[in-house]
Protein backbone atom coordinates (compact mmCIF):
# COMPACT_ATOMS: atom_id res chain seq x y z
CA MET A 1 -125.83 103.03 -83.25
CA MET A 2 -127.24 104.98 -80.27
CA ARG A 3 -124.65 106.53 -78.03
CA LEU A 4 -125.32 106.28 -74.28
CA PRO A 5 -124.79 109.27 -71.96
CA LYS A 6 -121.43 109.20 -70.17
CA ASN A 7 -121.32 108.90 -66.42
CA LYS A 8 -124.92 107.83 -66.10
CA PRO A 9 -125.85 104.25 -65.08
CA CYS A 10 -127.96 102.74 -67.80
CA ASP A 11 -129.01 99.42 -69.33
CA LEU A 12 -130.94 98.31 -72.39
CA ARG A 13 -134.26 96.57 -71.80
CA LYS A 14 -135.93 95.26 -74.87
CA ASN A 15 -136.50 98.25 -77.20
CA LYS A 16 -136.26 100.91 -74.53
CA LEU A 17 -133.36 102.82 -73.11
CA PHE A 18 -133.44 103.03 -69.34
CA LEU A 19 -131.74 106.12 -67.91
CA HIS A 20 -131.32 107.21 -64.29
CA PHE A 21 -131.35 110.95 -63.52
CA GLY A 22 -130.85 111.26 -59.77
CA THR A 23 -134.01 109.88 -58.12
CA ASP A 24 -136.07 110.18 -61.26
CA VAL A 25 -136.15 107.66 -64.11
CA ALA A 26 -136.77 108.37 -67.76
CA TRP A 27 -138.08 105.72 -70.08
CA ILE A 28 -137.11 106.72 -73.60
CA ARG A 29 -138.08 104.60 -76.63
CA ALA A 30 -135.11 104.16 -78.97
CA GLY A 31 -137.33 105.15 -81.82
CA GLY A 32 -135.72 108.27 -83.42
CA ARG A 33 -134.81 111.81 -82.57
CA ASP A 34 -138.37 113.26 -82.43
CA ASN A 35 -139.59 110.59 -80.11
CA PHE A 36 -136.45 110.93 -77.94
CA ARG A 37 -136.95 114.64 -77.62
CA LYS A 38 -140.68 114.40 -76.86
CA ASN A 39 -140.13 111.80 -74.10
CA ILE A 40 -137.10 113.46 -72.56
CA ARG A 41 -138.85 116.74 -72.27
CA LYS A 42 -141.88 115.11 -70.73
CA GLU A 43 -140.21 112.63 -68.29
CA MET A 44 -136.61 113.71 -67.52
CA LYS A 45 -135.76 115.32 -64.20
CA LYS A 46 -135.18 119.09 -64.56
CA GLY A 47 -131.47 119.81 -65.08
CA MET A 48 -131.61 123.57 -64.76
CA ARG A 49 -128.81 124.88 -62.51
CA MET A 50 -128.20 128.30 -61.00
CA GLU A 51 -125.04 129.28 -59.11
CA MET A 52 -124.89 132.39 -57.00
CA GLU A 53 -123.26 133.21 -53.72
CA TRP A 54 -126.13 135.14 -52.17
CA GLU A 55 -124.26 136.05 -49.01
CA GLN A 56 -121.60 137.77 -51.18
CA VAL A 57 -123.97 140.36 -52.82
CA VAL A 58 -122.33 143.78 -52.54
CA PRO A 59 -124.62 146.73 -52.91
CA GLU A 60 -123.63 149.31 -55.59
CA LEU A 61 -121.32 146.81 -57.41
CA PRO A 62 -122.87 145.78 -60.77
CA GLY A 63 -123.69 142.00 -60.88
CA ILE A 64 -122.48 139.82 -63.74
CA VAL A 65 -124.95 137.16 -64.88
CA LEU A 66 -124.04 134.37 -67.37
CA LEU A 67 -126.86 132.60 -69.22
CA SER A 68 -126.35 129.53 -71.40
CA HIS A 69 -127.58 126.23 -72.76
CA GLY A 70 -125.96 123.34 -70.93
CA SER A 71 -123.09 123.97 -68.51
CA ALA A 72 -121.21 126.67 -70.51
CA ALA A 73 -122.11 129.47 -68.15
CA LEU A 74 -121.25 127.39 -65.12
CA GLY A 75 -117.91 126.33 -66.61
CA ILE A 76 -116.91 129.90 -67.53
CA LEU A 77 -117.92 131.05 -64.06
CA GLU A 78 -115.72 128.40 -62.51
CA SER A 79 -112.74 129.33 -64.76
CA VAL A 80 -113.14 133.07 -63.91
CA ARG A 81 -113.09 132.22 -60.17
CA LEU A 82 -109.76 130.46 -60.70
CA ILE A 83 -108.33 133.68 -62.17
CA TYR A 84 -110.20 136.16 -59.90
CA PRO A 85 -111.03 134.26 -56.67
CA GLU A 86 -113.66 135.57 -54.24
CA GLN A 87 -115.33 137.84 -56.67
CA PRO A 88 -118.73 138.98 -55.41
CA ASN A 89 -121.81 139.60 -57.48
CA LEU A 90 -121.23 136.79 -60.04
CA ALA A 91 -123.94 134.39 -61.12
CA ALA A 92 -124.62 131.67 -63.79
CA LEU A 93 -127.81 130.15 -64.95
CA SER A 94 -127.98 127.19 -67.25
CA LEU A 95 -130.80 125.70 -69.30
CA ASP A 96 -130.81 122.00 -70.16
CA MET A 97 -132.96 119.90 -72.47
CA GLY A 98 -136.48 119.46 -71.03
CA ASP A 99 -136.19 122.43 -68.64
CA ASP A 100 -139.21 124.69 -68.22
CA THR A 101 -138.55 128.05 -69.85
CA GLU A 102 -140.93 129.79 -67.37
CA GLU A 103 -138.83 128.45 -64.46
CA PHE A 104 -135.73 129.75 -66.23
CA TYR A 105 -137.45 133.12 -66.59
CA ARG A 106 -138.31 133.13 -62.83
CA LYS A 107 -134.75 132.43 -61.87
CA LEU A 108 -133.46 135.14 -64.28
CA GLU A 109 -135.93 137.55 -62.65
CA LYS A 110 -134.67 136.51 -59.17
CA LEU A 111 -131.07 137.27 -60.16
CA TYR A 112 -132.12 140.67 -61.57
CA GLN A 113 -133.81 141.50 -58.27
CA ALA A 114 -130.84 140.25 -56.16
CA PHE A 115 -128.71 142.95 -57.85
CA HIS A 116 -131.56 145.54 -57.73
CA GLY A 117 -131.34 145.88 -61.57
CA ASN A 118 -127.70 146.93 -61.41
CA CYS A 119 -126.30 144.09 -63.53
CA ILE A 120 -124.91 143.00 -66.89
CA PHE A 121 -126.19 139.88 -68.66
CA PHE A 122 -124.14 137.68 -70.99
CA ALA A 123 -126.22 135.19 -72.99
CA ASP A 124 -124.45 132.39 -74.94
CA PHE A 125 -125.71 133.43 -78.42
CA ASN A 126 -128.27 135.61 -80.19
CA GLY A 127 -131.65 133.89 -80.77
CA GLY A 128 -131.28 131.10 -78.28
CA THR A 129 -133.76 130.43 -75.39
CA PRO A 130 -131.60 132.17 -72.71
CA CYS A 131 -131.36 135.26 -75.01
CA ASN A 132 -135.10 135.17 -75.80
CA GLN A 133 -136.13 134.87 -72.11
CA LEU A 134 -133.86 137.82 -71.39
CA ARG A 135 -135.67 139.85 -74.11
CA ILE A 136 -139.09 138.75 -72.82
CA PHE A 137 -137.96 139.93 -69.34
CA GLN A 138 -137.13 143.30 -70.82
CA ILE A 139 -140.50 143.62 -72.48
CA ARG A 140 -142.62 142.41 -69.59
CA ASN A 141 -140.91 144.61 -66.99
CA LYS A 142 -140.15 147.62 -69.39
CA VAL A 143 -136.58 147.76 -68.21
CA GLN A 144 -133.35 148.38 -70.04
CA VAL A 145 -130.89 145.57 -69.75
CA PHE A 146 -127.22 145.79 -70.82
CA GLY A 147 -124.89 143.00 -71.82
CA ALA A 148 -123.75 140.92 -74.68
CA LEU A 149 -125.09 138.04 -76.84
CA GLY A 150 -122.17 135.65 -77.14
CA PHE A 151 -119.51 135.68 -74.42
CA SER A 152 -115.99 134.33 -73.52
CA ILE A 153 -113.70 134.28 -70.54
CA PRO A 154 -111.84 137.50 -71.75
CA MET A 155 -115.16 139.29 -71.84
CA VAL A 156 -116.20 138.33 -68.36
CA LEU A 157 -112.70 139.25 -66.99
CA SER A 158 -113.06 142.61 -68.75
CA ALA A 159 -116.49 143.21 -67.07
CA ILE A 160 -114.96 142.46 -63.67
CA ASP A 161 -112.06 144.87 -64.30
CA SER A 162 -114.45 147.59 -65.63
CA ARG A 163 -116.85 147.44 -62.74
CA ARG A 164 -113.96 148.15 -60.36
CA ASP A 165 -113.58 151.51 -62.16
CA GLY A 166 -117.09 152.48 -61.21
CA LEU A 167 -118.42 152.30 -64.74
CA SER A 168 -122.20 151.94 -65.61
CA PRO A 169 -123.60 148.64 -66.84
CA GLU A 170 -123.83 150.07 -70.33
CA GLU A 171 -120.09 151.13 -70.31
CA ILE A 172 -119.09 147.77 -68.80
CA ALA A 173 -120.88 145.88 -71.55
CA GLY A 174 -119.27 148.06 -74.19
CA HIS A 175 -115.81 147.43 -72.84
CA ALA A 176 -116.48 143.64 -72.54
CA ILE A 177 -117.55 143.45 -76.24
CA LYS A 178 -114.50 145.41 -77.33
CA ASP A 179 -112.13 143.26 -75.23
CA GLY A 180 -113.88 140.12 -76.39
CA HIS A 181 -113.07 140.98 -80.06
CA GLU A 182 -109.46 141.81 -79.17
CA GLY A 183 -109.15 138.62 -77.02
CA ILE A 184 -109.63 136.41 -80.00
CA GLN A 185 -106.31 136.01 -81.89
CA GLY A 186 -104.75 133.60 -84.32
CA LEU A 187 -102.00 131.39 -82.90
CA CYS A 188 -98.67 131.72 -84.75
CA MET A 189 -94.96 131.57 -83.89
CA GLU A 190 -94.82 135.34 -83.35
CA ASN A 191 -97.47 135.06 -80.66
CA VAL A 192 -95.77 132.06 -79.02
CA GLN A 193 -92.45 133.95 -78.77
CA CYS A 194 -94.19 136.95 -77.23
CA CYS A 195 -95.70 134.62 -74.62
CA GLU A 196 -92.29 133.14 -73.83
CA GLU A 197 -90.82 136.58 -73.32
CA ASP A 198 -93.53 137.43 -70.75
């Protein structure tokens, strides 16, 4: 049975699935995964999203840029802003199915330029398209980029704390990776009791 996307108006018409994406419409034949992917890449409205408060760019303060598939980067950015509100020089860029990788590259380049190269990149995982586009950016522009492949909320919070201390992007990335490892812990009664005491 084919599952329909949540929160999107749709109706079945003969052997086709009719999906609305904003003002665009994608006709996708319900004929298997390969056919679905081919059509959705060709016909679906671009879903790439970039979030950045351009008016809050602070010179000299390293930027933190999150890159991911889907809305992971945007979600973590939103969570971080709940913990550390009104933080400048934070950005997120997401890549959805059917998005143009060259457009993703151009937006990545725009973020790098907005921070004048003084930034740390966090990509969701090694070998994915966001990570690969970051590596292509390094090669094309012959620049050294610091960051981490794989990221979590504790890592981003660590990067925010570290940049307040005036550390370089390389040092900030190192601290974030270390704190990311330490931030992952098993849940047991001992940990729960410690939390209750705090």
